[in-house]
Amino acid sequence: MTRAFLRLAVCCLALPSGILSAQDASPGPVQATPRVVPALTPVRIEILEAQGSAISKPDAHFPIRLVDPVLLDGKTIIPAGATGEGEVVHAKKSSMSGGPGELILAARWLDVNGHQVRLRSMHLSENGKSSIKDVNRIMIASAATVPVAAMLGWFMKGKEVVVPSGTYAEAKLAADFSVEP
């Protein structure tokens, strides 16, 4: 009898692990997969502080705000109004002899629940109006008549670039953004 009992005990221990009774099969915690907003998803932002070729300095930062919510499957992932930061990449005042002002701005990130969501591809690169053609016309015309008048063209300046507060721009998410369900 002892041998039979021992064989029964060994057989019970050797059952495959996938065989369980109905009462042993309790469901574990369900792991929900994170939702992912893909990189390069377009976003519309608002520049909250006026920028300009004459007033902005390279590497300066300025506030931005998300205009429209970012949706995924009809659900808001990043709410409208999320704030962030942009950066002045390049700024140059207009110059003498008609050289225009230059300004290049970039969106850097939005704050979403304490996480910085990086942005890219917002290069609001505006040039001021050039006055070089006007200067050249004045210099050529005046050189033929009064040589001293030709020097006046050197003192004409080009136009500055101004991006007023409230200006909208397009940008894109720089990387995938995962949201826990």
N, C-alpha and C. Protein backbone atom coordinates (compact mmCIF):
# COMPACT_ATOMS: atom_id res chain seq x y z
N MET A 1 0.80 -1.18 0.00
CA MET A 1 0.00 0.00 0.00
C MET A 1 0.85 1.26 0.00
N THR A 2 1.90 1.17 0.62
CA THR A 2 2.75 2.35 0.68
C THR A 2 3.30 2.71 -0.69
N ARG A 3 3.59 1.66 -1.48
CA ARG A 3 4.09 1.94 -2.82
C ARG A 3 3.01 2.60 -3.66
N ALA A 4 1.80 2.17 -3.58
CA ALA A 4 0.70 2.75 -4.35
C ALA A 4 0.48 4.21 -3.93
N PHE A 5 0.50 4.45 -2.66
CA PHE A 5 0.33 5.82 -2.16
C PHE A 5 1.46 6.71 -2.66
N LEU A 6 2.68 6.20 -2.65
CA LEU A 6 3.84 6.95 -3.10
C LEU A 6 3.72 7.26 -4.59
N ARG A 7 3.28 6.30 -5.42
CA ARG A 7 3.10 6.54 -6.85
C ARG A 7 2.03 7.61 -7.09
N LEU A 8 0.94 7.57 -6.35
CA LEU A 8 -0.12 8.56 -6.49
C LEU A 8 0.40 9.95 -6.13
N ALA A 9 1.20 10.07 -5.09
CA ALA A 9 1.77 11.35 -4.69
C ALA A 9 2.72 11.87 -5.75
N VAL A 10 3.54 11.00 -6.34
CA VAL A 10 4.47 11.41 -7.38
C VAL A 10 3.71 11.83 -8.62
N CYS A 11 2.66 11.14 -9.00
CA CYS A 11 1.85 11.49 -10.17
C CYS A 11 1.21 12.87 -9.97
N CYS A 12 0.71 13.12 -8.80
CA CYS A 12 0.08 14.43 -8.53
C CYS A 12 1.10 15.55 -8.62
N LEU A 13 2.30 15.31 -8.15
CA LEU A 13 3.34 16.34 -8.22
C LEU A 13 3.81 16.55 -9.64
N ALA A 14 3.71 15.54 -10.50
CA ALA A 14 4.23 15.62 -11.85
C ALA A 14 3.22 16.16 -12.85
N LEU A 15 2.04 16.61 -12.41
CA LEU A 15 1.06 17.16 -13.34
C LEU A 15 1.63 18.41 -14.01
N PRO A 16 1.33 18.62 -15.27
CA PRO A 16 1.80 19.84 -15.94
C PRO A 16 1.24 21.07 -15.24
N SER A 17 2.02 22.13 -15.27
CA SER A 17 1.63 23.34 -14.53
C SER A 17 0.40 24.01 -15.12
N GLY A 18 0.06 23.72 -16.37
CA GLY A 18 -1.10 24.35 -16.99
C GLY A 18 -2.41 23.77 -16.52
N ILE A 19 -2.38 22.64 -15.81
CA ILE A 19 -3.61 21.99 -15.37
C ILE A 19 -3.92 22.48 -13.96
N LEU A 20 -4.97 23.24 -13.84
CA LEU A 20 -5.38 23.77 -12.54
C LEU A 20 -6.86 23.52 -12.36
N SER A 21 -7.27 23.46 -11.16
CA SER A 21 -8.70 23.32 -10.91
C SER A 21 -9.36 24.68 -11.08
N ALA A 22 -10.66 24.72 -11.19
CA ALA A 22 -11.39 25.96 -11.39
C ALA A 22 -11.18 26.93 -10.24
N GLN A 23 -11.03 26.43 -9.04
CA GLN A 23 -10.86 27.35 -7.90
C GLN A 23 -9.45 27.91 -7.83
N ASP A 24 -8.44 27.23 -8.44
CA ASP A 24 -7.07 27.74 -8.43
C ASP A 24 -6.86 28.82 -9.50
N ALA A 25 -7.72 28.92 -10.49
CA ALA A 25 -7.52 29.84 -11.61
C ALA A 25 -8.12 31.21 -11.32
N SER A 26 -7.58 31.90 -10.37
CA SER A 26 -8.07 33.25 -10.08
C SER A 26 -7.38 34.23 -11.04
N PRO A 27 -8.13 35.18 -11.59
CA PRO A 27 -7.54 36.12 -12.54
C PRO A 27 -6.58 37.06 -11.81
N GLY A 28 -5.42 37.31 -12.43
CA GLY A 28 -4.43 38.24 -11.87
C GLY A 28 -4.77 39.65 -12.31
N PRO A 29 -3.97 40.61 -11.90
CA PRO A 29 -4.22 41.99 -12.32
C PRO A 29 -4.04 42.12 -13.83
N VAL A 30 -4.97 42.82 -14.47
CA VAL A 30 -4.92 43.00 -15.91
C VAL A 30 -3.96 44.14 -16.22
N GLN A 31 -2.99 43.87 -17.06
CA GLN A 31 -2.02 44.89 -17.45
C GLN A 31 -2.54 45.61 -18.69
N ALA A 32 -2.90 46.87 -18.56
CA ALA A 32 -3.37 47.64 -19.70
C ALA A 32 -2.16 48.17 -20.45
N THR A 33 -2.23 48.10 -21.75
CA THR A 33 -1.11 48.58 -22.55
C THR A 33 -1.18 50.09 -22.66
N PRO A 34 -0.03 50.75 -22.60
CA PRO A 34 -0.05 52.21 -22.71
C PRO A 34 -0.50 52.64 -24.11
N ARG A 35 -1.14 53.79 -24.17
CA ARG A 35 -1.56 54.37 -25.43
C ARG A 35 -0.43 55.25 -25.91
N VAL A 36 -0.14 55.23 -27.20
CA VAL A 36 1.00 55.96 -27.73
C VAL A 36 0.56 56.95 -28.80
N VAL A 37 0.92 58.23 -28.59
CA VAL A 37 0.74 59.25 -29.61
C VAL A 37 2.04 59.24 -30.40
N PRO A 38 1.99 58.99 -31.71
CA PRO A 38 3.22 58.84 -32.48
C PRO A 38 4.00 60.14 -32.67
N ALA A 39 5.30 59.99 -32.83
CA ALA A 39 6.16 61.13 -33.17
C ALA A 39 5.65 61.74 -34.47
N LEU A 40 5.92 63.01 -34.65
CA LEU A 40 5.53 63.80 -35.83
C LEU A 40 4.04 64.11 -35.89
N THR A 41 3.32 63.85 -34.77
CA THR A 41 1.92 64.27 -34.70
C THR A 41 1.90 65.80 -34.68
N PRO A 42 1.15 66.43 -35.60
CA PRO A 42 1.14 67.89 -35.64
C PRO A 42 0.37 68.49 -34.46
N VAL A 43 0.85 69.63 -33.98
CA VAL A 43 0.19 70.38 -32.91
C VAL A 43 0.20 71.85 -33.30
N ARG A 44 -0.80 72.58 -32.83
CA ARG A 44 -0.85 74.02 -33.07
C ARG A 44 -0.59 74.72 -31.75
N ILE A 45 0.38 75.62 -31.79
CA ILE A 45 0.75 76.34 -30.57
C ILE A 45 0.58 77.84 -30.76
N GLU A 46 0.55 78.53 -29.64
CA GLU A 46 0.44 79.99 -29.62
C GLU A 46 1.68 80.55 -28.93
N ILE A 47 2.27 81.55 -29.54
CA ILE A 47 3.41 82.24 -28.93
C ILE A 47 2.84 83.30 -28.00
N LEU A 48 3.20 83.22 -26.71
CA LEU A 48 2.57 84.06 -25.69
C LEU A 48 3.29 85.37 -25.40
N GLU A 49 4.46 85.55 -25.97
CA GLU A 49 5.26 86.75 -25.71
C GLU A 49 5.80 87.26 -27.04
N ALA A 50 5.63 88.54 -27.31
CA ALA A 50 6.09 89.11 -28.59
C ALA A 50 7.59 88.87 -28.77
N GLN A 51 7.96 88.55 -30.01
CA GLN A 51 9.35 88.34 -30.38
C GLN A 51 9.65 89.22 -31.58
N GLY A 52 10.90 89.60 -31.74
CA GLY A 52 11.25 90.44 -32.88
C GLY A 52 12.74 90.43 -33.14
N SER A 53 13.11 90.72 -34.37
CA SER A 53 14.52 90.72 -34.73
C SER A 53 15.30 91.79 -33.97
N ALA A 54 14.64 92.88 -33.59
CA ALA A 54 15.32 93.96 -32.87
C ALA A 54 15.30 93.75 -31.35
N ILE A 55 14.37 92.94 -30.84
CA ILE A 55 14.24 92.81 -29.37
C ILE A 55 14.64 91.45 -28.82
N SER A 56 14.65 90.41 -29.66
CA SER A 56 14.95 89.06 -29.18
C SER A 56 16.45 88.79 -29.26
N LYS A 57 16.91 87.95 -28.37
CA LYS A 57 18.33 87.55 -28.32
C LYS A 57 18.42 86.04 -28.54
N PRO A 58 19.43 85.59 -29.29
CA PRO A 58 19.60 84.15 -29.48
C PRO A 58 19.71 83.42 -28.13
N ASP A 59 19.16 82.23 -28.06
CA ASP A 59 19.13 81.35 -26.88
C ASP A 59 18.15 81.81 -25.80
N ALA A 60 17.41 82.89 -26.06
CA ALA A 60 16.39 83.32 -25.10
C ALA A 60 15.19 82.38 -25.21
N HIS A 61 14.45 82.21 -24.11
CA HIS A 61 13.29 81.33 -24.08
C HIS A 61 12.03 82.17 -23.92
N PHE A 62 10.92 81.67 -24.47
CA PHE A 62 9.65 82.38 -24.38
C PHE A 62 8.53 81.36 -24.18
N PRO A 63 7.43 81.77 -23.55
CA PRO A 63 6.33 80.83 -23.26
C PRO A 63 5.46 80.55 -24.49
N ILE A 64 5.00 79.30 -24.58
CA ILE A 64 4.06 78.89 -25.62
C ILE A 64 2.91 78.14 -24.96
N ARG A 65 1.81 77.98 -25.72
CA ARG A 65 0.65 77.26 -25.19
C ARG A 65 0.02 76.44 -26.33
N LEU A 66 -0.44 75.24 -26.00
CA LEU A 66 -1.12 74.38 -26.97
C LEU A 66 -2.50 74.94 -27.24
N VAL A 67 -2.83 75.15 -28.51
CA VAL A 67 -4.11 75.74 -28.89
C VAL A 67 -5.21 74.69 -28.94
N ASP A 68 -4.96 73.58 -29.63
CA ASP A 68 -5.95 72.52 -29.78
C ASP A 68 -5.49 71.28 -29.01
N PRO A 69 -6.42 70.53 -28.43
CA PRO A 69 -6.00 69.31 -27.71
C PRO A 69 -5.44 68.27 -28.68
N VAL A 70 -4.56 67.42 -28.18
CA VAL A 70 -4.06 66.30 -28.96
C VAL A 70 -4.95 65.11 -28.62
N LEU A 71 -5.59 64.55 -29.64
CA LEU A 71 -6.55 63.46 -29.46
C LEU A 71 -5.96 62.15 -29.97
N LEU A 72 -6.37 61.05 -29.34
CA LEU A 72 -6.01 59.71 -29.78
C LEU A 72 -7.26 58.86 -29.64
N ASP A 73 -7.76 58.34 -30.73
CA ASP A 73 -9.00 57.55 -30.74
C ASP A 73 -10.15 58.34 -30.12
N GLY A 74 -10.21 59.63 -30.39
CA GLY A 74 -11.29 60.47 -29.90
C GLY A 74 -11.17 60.91 -28.45
N LYS A 75 -10.09 60.52 -27.77
CA LYS A 75 -9.91 60.89 -26.36
C LYS A 75 -8.76 61.90 -26.26
N THR A 76 -8.94 62.89 -25.38
CA THR A 76 -7.92 63.91 -25.18
C THR A 76 -6.72 63.32 -24.44
N ILE A 77 -5.56 63.42 -25.06
CA ILE A 77 -4.32 62.92 -24.48
C ILE A 77 -3.52 64.09 -23.90
N ILE A 78 -3.43 65.19 -24.68
CA ILE A 78 -2.78 66.40 -24.19
C ILE A 78 -3.82 67.51 -24.30
N PRO A 79 -4.22 68.09 -23.17
CA PRO A 79 -5.31 69.08 -23.22
C PRO A 79 -4.86 70.42 -23.81
N ALA A 80 -5.80 71.09 -24.47
CA ALA A 80 -5.54 72.45 -24.94
C ALA A 80 -5.19 73.30 -23.72
N GLY A 81 -4.30 74.23 -23.90
CA GLY A 81 -3.89 75.09 -22.79
C GLY A 81 -2.61 74.62 -22.12
N ALA A 82 -2.11 73.43 -22.47
CA ALA A 82 -0.83 72.97 -21.90
C ALA A 82 0.24 73.98 -22.29
N THR A 83 1.04 74.38 -21.32
CA THR A 83 2.06 75.40 -21.60
C THR A 83 3.42 74.75 -21.82
N GLY A 84 4.30 75.51 -22.38
CA GLY A 84 5.64 75.00 -22.65
C GLY A 84 6.59 76.14 -22.95
N GLU A 85 7.61 75.81 -23.72
CA GLU A 85 8.67 76.78 -23.94
C GLU A 85 9.16 76.72 -25.39
N GLY A 86 9.44 77.90 -25.92
CA GLY A 86 10.07 78.03 -27.23
C GLY A 86 11.43 78.68 -27.03
N GLU A 87 12.20 78.72 -28.09
CA GLU A 87 13.55 79.29 -28.00
C GLU A 87 13.84 80.14 -29.23
N VAL A 88 14.55 81.23 -29.01
CA VAL A 88 15.02 82.06 -30.12
C VAL A 88 16.31 81.41 -30.63
N VAL A 89 16.26 80.89 -31.85
CA VAL A 89 17.41 80.22 -32.44
C VAL A 89 18.36 81.25 -33.05
N HIS A 90 17.80 82.25 -33.72
CA HIS A 90 18.62 83.27 -34.39
C HIS A 90 17.85 84.58 -34.41
N ALA A 91 18.52 85.66 -34.11
CA ALA A 91 17.92 86.99 -34.21
C ALA A 91 19.00 87.98 -34.65
N LYS A 92 18.66 88.79 -35.65
CA LYS A 92 19.60 89.79 -36.14
C LYS A 92 18.80 91.03 -36.52
N LYS A 93 19.22 92.17 -36.01
CA LYS A 93 18.55 93.43 -36.33
C LYS A 93 18.76 93.76 -37.80
N SER A 94 17.87 94.59 -38.32
CA SER A 94 18.07 95.07 -39.69
C SER A 94 19.35 95.89 -39.70
N SER A 95 19.93 96.01 -40.88
CA SER A 95 21.22 96.70 -40.93
C SER A 95 21.17 97.85 -41.93
N MET A 96 22.22 98.61 -41.90
CA MET A 96 22.35 99.75 -42.82
C MET A 96 22.39 99.21 -44.25
N SER A 97 22.20 100.08 -45.19
CA SER A 97 22.13 99.79 -46.62
C SER A 97 21.05 98.78 -46.97
N GLY A 98 19.98 98.74 -46.19
CA GLY A 98 18.79 97.99 -46.55
C GLY A 98 18.73 96.55 -46.11
N GLY A 99 19.70 96.07 -45.33
CA GLY A 99 19.67 94.66 -44.89
C GLY A 99 18.49 94.39 -43.97
N PRO A 100 17.68 93.34 -44.24
CA PRO A 100 16.49 93.07 -43.44
C PRO A 100 16.83 92.43 -42.09
N GLY A 101 15.91 92.55 -41.14
CA GLY A 101 16.04 91.85 -39.87
C GLY A 101 15.77 90.36 -40.08
N GLU A 102 16.31 89.53 -39.21
CA GLU A 102 16.12 88.08 -39.31
C GLU A 102 15.70 87.53 -37.95
N LEU A 103 14.81 86.54 -37.97
CA LEU A 103 14.34 85.93 -36.72
C LEU A 103 13.96 84.48 -36.99
N ILE A 104 14.54 83.56 -36.22
CA ILE A 104 14.18 82.14 -36.31
C ILE A 104 13.81 81.68 -34.90
N LEU A 105 12.57 81.17 -34.76
CA LEU A 105 12.07 80.69 -33.48
C LEU A 105 11.79 79.18 -33.59
N ALA A 106 11.90 78.48 -32.48
CA ALA A 106 11.61 77.04 -32.45
C ALA A 106 10.82 76.71 -31.19
N ALA A 107 9.85 75.80 -31.32
CA ALA A 107 9.13 75.28 -30.16
C ALA A 107 9.98 74.16 -29.58
N ARG A 108 10.15 74.12 -28.27
CA ARG A 108 11.01 73.11 -27.65
C ARG A 108 10.25 72.02 -26.91
N TRP A 109 9.24 72.39 -26.06
CA TRP A 109 8.52 71.37 -25.30
C TRP A 109 7.20 71.90 -24.75
N LEU A 110 6.33 70.95 -24.41
CA LEU A 110 5.08 71.23 -23.69
C LEU A 110 5.11 70.46 -22.38
N ASP A 111 4.55 71.05 -21.34
CA ASP A 111 4.48 70.38 -20.04
C ASP A 111 3.16 69.61 -19.95
N VAL A 112 3.28 68.27 -19.81
CA VAL A 112 2.09 67.42 -19.69
C VAL A 112 2.24 66.60 -18.41
N ASN A 113 1.49 66.99 -17.39
CA ASN A 113 1.52 66.31 -16.09
C ASN A 113 2.94 66.18 -15.53
N GLY A 114 3.70 67.25 -15.63
CA GLY A 114 5.06 67.26 -15.09
C GLY A 114 6.11 66.66 -16.00
N HIS A 115 5.72 66.20 -17.18
CA HIS A 115 6.68 65.64 -18.14
C HIS A 115 6.84 66.61 -19.31
N GLN A 116 8.07 66.79 -19.77
CA GLN A 116 8.30 67.63 -20.92
C GLN A 116 8.16 66.81 -22.20
N VAL A 117 7.17 67.15 -23.00
CA VAL A 117 6.96 66.50 -24.29
C VAL A 117 7.69 67.35 -25.32
N ARG A 118 8.74 66.79 -25.90
CA ARG A 118 9.57 67.56 -26.82
C ARG A 118 8.84 67.83 -28.13
N LEU A 119 9.10 69.00 -28.69
CA LEU A 119 8.51 69.43 -29.96
C LEU A 119 9.63 69.67 -30.97
N ARG A 120 9.24 69.67 -32.25
CA ARG A 120 10.20 69.95 -33.30
C ARG A 120 9.46 70.53 -34.51
N SER A 121 10.22 70.89 -35.49
CA SER A 121 9.71 71.32 -36.80
C SER A 121 8.84 72.56 -36.76
N MET A 122 8.96 73.40 -35.75
CA MET A 122 8.31 74.70 -35.77
C MET A 122 9.41 75.72 -35.97
N HIS A 123 9.69 75.98 -37.17
CA HIS A 123 10.71 76.98 -37.47
C HIS A 123 10.02 78.19 -38.05
N LEU A 124 9.60 79.05 -37.18
CA LEU A 124 8.96 80.28 -37.62
C LEU A 124 10.09 81.20 -38.04
N SER A 125 10.52 81.04 -39.25
CA SER A 125 11.66 81.77 -39.76
C SER A 125 11.17 82.88 -40.66
N GLU A 126 11.13 84.05 -40.15
CA GLU A 126 10.63 85.20 -40.91
C GLU A 126 11.77 86.15 -41.19
N ASN A 127 11.73 86.75 -42.33
CA ASN A 127 12.70 87.79 -42.67
C ASN A 127 11.96 89.11 -42.79
N GLY A 128 12.60 90.17 -42.38
CA GLY A 128 12.04 91.49 -42.57
C GLY A 128 12.12 91.86 -44.03
N LYS A 129 11.45 92.93 -44.40
CA LYS A 129 11.47 93.37 -45.79
C LYS A 129 12.82 93.97 -46.10
N SER A 130 13.39 93.53 -47.19
CA SER A 130 14.69 94.05 -47.61
C SER A 130 14.50 95.39 -48.30
N SER A 131 15.41 96.28 -48.07
CA SER A 131 15.40 97.57 -48.76
C SER A 131 16.61 97.70 -49.68
N ILE A 132 17.30 96.59 -49.92
CA ILE A 132 18.53 96.63 -50.71
C ILE A 132 18.25 97.12 -52.13
N LYS A 133 17.17 96.66 -52.77
CA LYS A 133 16.86 97.11 -54.14
C LYS A 133 16.61 98.61 -54.17
N ASP A 134 15.87 99.10 -53.15
CA ASP A 134 15.60 100.54 -53.10
C ASP A 134 16.90 101.31 -52.93
N VAL A 135 17.78 100.83 -52.07
CA VAL A 135 19.06 101.49 -51.83
C VAL A 135 19.87 101.52 -53.12
N ASN A 136 19.91 100.40 -53.83
CA ASN A 136 20.68 100.35 -55.08
C ASN A 136 20.12 101.31 -56.12
N ARG A 137 18.78 101.40 -56.23
CA ARG A 137 18.17 102.34 -57.18
C ARG A 137 18.54 103.78 -56.83
N ILE A 138 18.46 104.12 -55.54
CA ILE A 138 18.80 105.48 -55.12
C ILE A 138 20.26 105.78 -55.42
N MET A 139 21.12 104.83 -55.11
CA MET A 139 22.56 105.07 -55.31
C MET A 139 22.89 105.23 -56.80
N ILE A 140 22.28 104.42 -57.65
CA ILE A 140 22.55 104.52 -59.09
C ILE A 140 22.01 105.83 -59.64
N ALA A 141 20.77 106.16 -59.27
CA ALA A 141 20.16 107.39 -59.78
C ALA A 141 20.91 108.62 -59.29
N SER A 142 21.27 108.63 -58.02
CA SER A 142 21.93 109.82 -57.47
C SER A 142 23.39 109.91 -57.90
N ALA A 143 24.02 108.78 -58.18
CA ALA A 143 25.41 108.82 -58.62
C ALA A 143 25.52 109.51 -59.97
N ALA A 144 24.49 109.35 -60.78
CA ALA A 144 24.50 109.99 -62.09
C ALA A 144 24.30 111.50 -61.98
N THR A 145 23.65 111.94 -60.93
CA THR A 145 23.37 113.37 -60.79
C THR A 145 24.26 114.03 -59.74
N VAL A 146 24.09 113.64 -58.50
CA VAL A 146 24.86 114.26 -57.41
C VAL A 146 25.57 113.16 -56.63
N PRO A 147 26.88 113.02 -56.73
CA PRO A 147 27.59 111.94 -56.05
C PRO A 147 27.38 111.91 -54.54
N VAL A 148 27.19 113.04 -53.89
CA VAL A 148 27.00 113.05 -52.44
C VAL A 148 25.67 112.40 -52.08
N ALA A 149 24.66 112.53 -52.91
CA ALA A 149 23.35 111.93 -52.64
C ALA A 149 23.42 110.41 -52.67
N ALA A 150 24.37 109.85 -53.40
CA ALA A 150 24.51 108.40 -53.46
C ALA A 150 24.83 107.82 -52.09
N MET A 151 25.46 108.59 -51.25
CA MET A 151 25.82 108.12 -49.91
C MET A 151 24.60 107.96 -49.01
N LEU A 152 23.48 108.60 -49.33
CA LEU A 152 22.27 108.50 -48.51
C LEU A 152 21.74 107.06 -48.46
N GLY A 153 21.93 106.29 -49.52
CA GLY A 153 21.46 104.91 -49.57
C GLY A 153 22.10 104.05 -48.49
N TRP A 154 23.30 104.39 -48.09
CA TRP A 154 23.99 103.61 -47.05
C TRP A 154 23.30 103.75 -45.70
N PHE A 155 22.54 104.80 -45.52
CA PHE A 155 21.90 105.04 -44.23
C PHE A 155 20.47 104.51 -44.15
N MET A 156 19.95 103.94 -45.24
CA MET A 156 18.61 103.33 -45.21
C MET A 156 18.71 101.97 -44.54
N LYS A 157 17.76 101.69 -43.65
CA LYS A 157 17.74 100.39 -42.97
C LYS A 157 16.62 99.53 -43.53
N GLY A 158 16.80 98.21 -43.45
CA GLY A 158 15.74 97.27 -43.82
C GLY A 158 14.69 97.23 -42.72
N LYS A 159 13.66 96.44 -42.93
CA LYS A 159 12.57 96.33 -41.95
C LYS A 159 12.89 95.24 -40.93
N GLU A 160 12.36 95.43 -39.72
CA GLU A 160 12.52 94.43 -38.65
C GLU A 160 11.42 93.37 -38.77
N VAL A 161 11.68 92.20 -38.21
CA VAL A 161 10.69 91.13 -38.13
C VAL A 161 10.03 91.23 -36.76
N VAL A 162 8.71 91.17 -36.73
CA VAL A 162 7.97 91.20 -35.47
C VAL A 162 6.97 90.04 -35.46
N VAL A 163 7.01 89.25 -34.41
CA VAL A 163 6.03 88.17 -34.20
C VAL A 163 5.25 88.57 -32.94
N PRO A 164 4.04 89.07 -33.13
CA PRO A 164 3.28 89.54 -31.96
C PRO A 164 2.82 88.40 -31.06
N SER A 165 2.56 88.74 -29.81
CA SER A 165 1.98 87.80 -28.86
C SER A 165 0.64 87.33 -29.43
N GLY A 166 0.35 86.04 -29.29
CA GLY A 166 -0.89 85.50 -29.81
C GLY A 166 -0.75 84.89 -31.20
N THR A 167 0.45 84.93 -31.78
CA THR A 167 0.68 84.34 -33.09
C THR A 167 0.63 82.82 -32.98
N TYR A 168 -0.09 82.17 -33.91
CA TYR A 168 -0.16 80.71 -33.95
C TYR A 168 0.93 80.16 -34.86
N ALA A 169 1.42 78.98 -34.52
CA ALA A 169 2.42 78.29 -35.33
C ALA A 169 2.14 76.80 -35.27
N GLU A 170 2.65 76.08 -36.24
CA GLU A 170 2.53 74.62 -36.27
C GLU A 170 3.84 74.02 -35.80
N ALA A 171 3.75 72.90 -35.09
CA ALA A 171 4.93 72.14 -34.66
C ALA A 171 4.55 70.67 -34.70
N LYS A 172 5.48 69.80 -34.33
CA LYS A 172 5.23 68.36 -34.29
C LYS A 172 5.84 67.77 -33.04
N LEU A 173 5.28 66.67 -32.56
CA LEU A 173 5.89 65.95 -31.45
C LEU A 173 7.21 65.37 -31.94
N ALA A 174 8.26 65.50 -31.13
CA ALA A 174 9.58 65.03 -31.54
C ALA A 174 9.75 63.53 -31.35
N ALA A 175 8.99 62.93 -30.45
CA ALA A 175 9.12 61.49 -30.17
C ALA A 175 7.75 60.94 -29.79
N ASP A 176 7.64 59.61 -29.79
CA ASP A 176 6.39 59.00 -29.34
C ASP A 176 6.11 59.44 -27.91
N PHE A 177 4.84 59.62 -27.60
CA PHE A 177 4.43 60.03 -26.25
C PHE A 177 3.46 58.99 -25.72
N SER A 178 3.86 58.25 -24.67
CA SER A 178 3.01 57.20 -24.11
C SER A 178 2.22 57.70 -22.93
N VAL A 179 0.99 57.25 -22.89
CA VAL A 179 0.08 57.63 -21.82
C VAL A 179 -0.43 56.37 -21.16
N GLU A 180 -0.28 56.29 -19.85
CA GLU A 180 -0.82 55.13 -19.12
C GLU A 180 -2.34 55.24 -19.08
N PRO A 181 -3.04 54.13 -19.31
CA PRO A 181 -4.51 54.20 -19.28
C PRO A 181 -5.05 54.50 -17.89
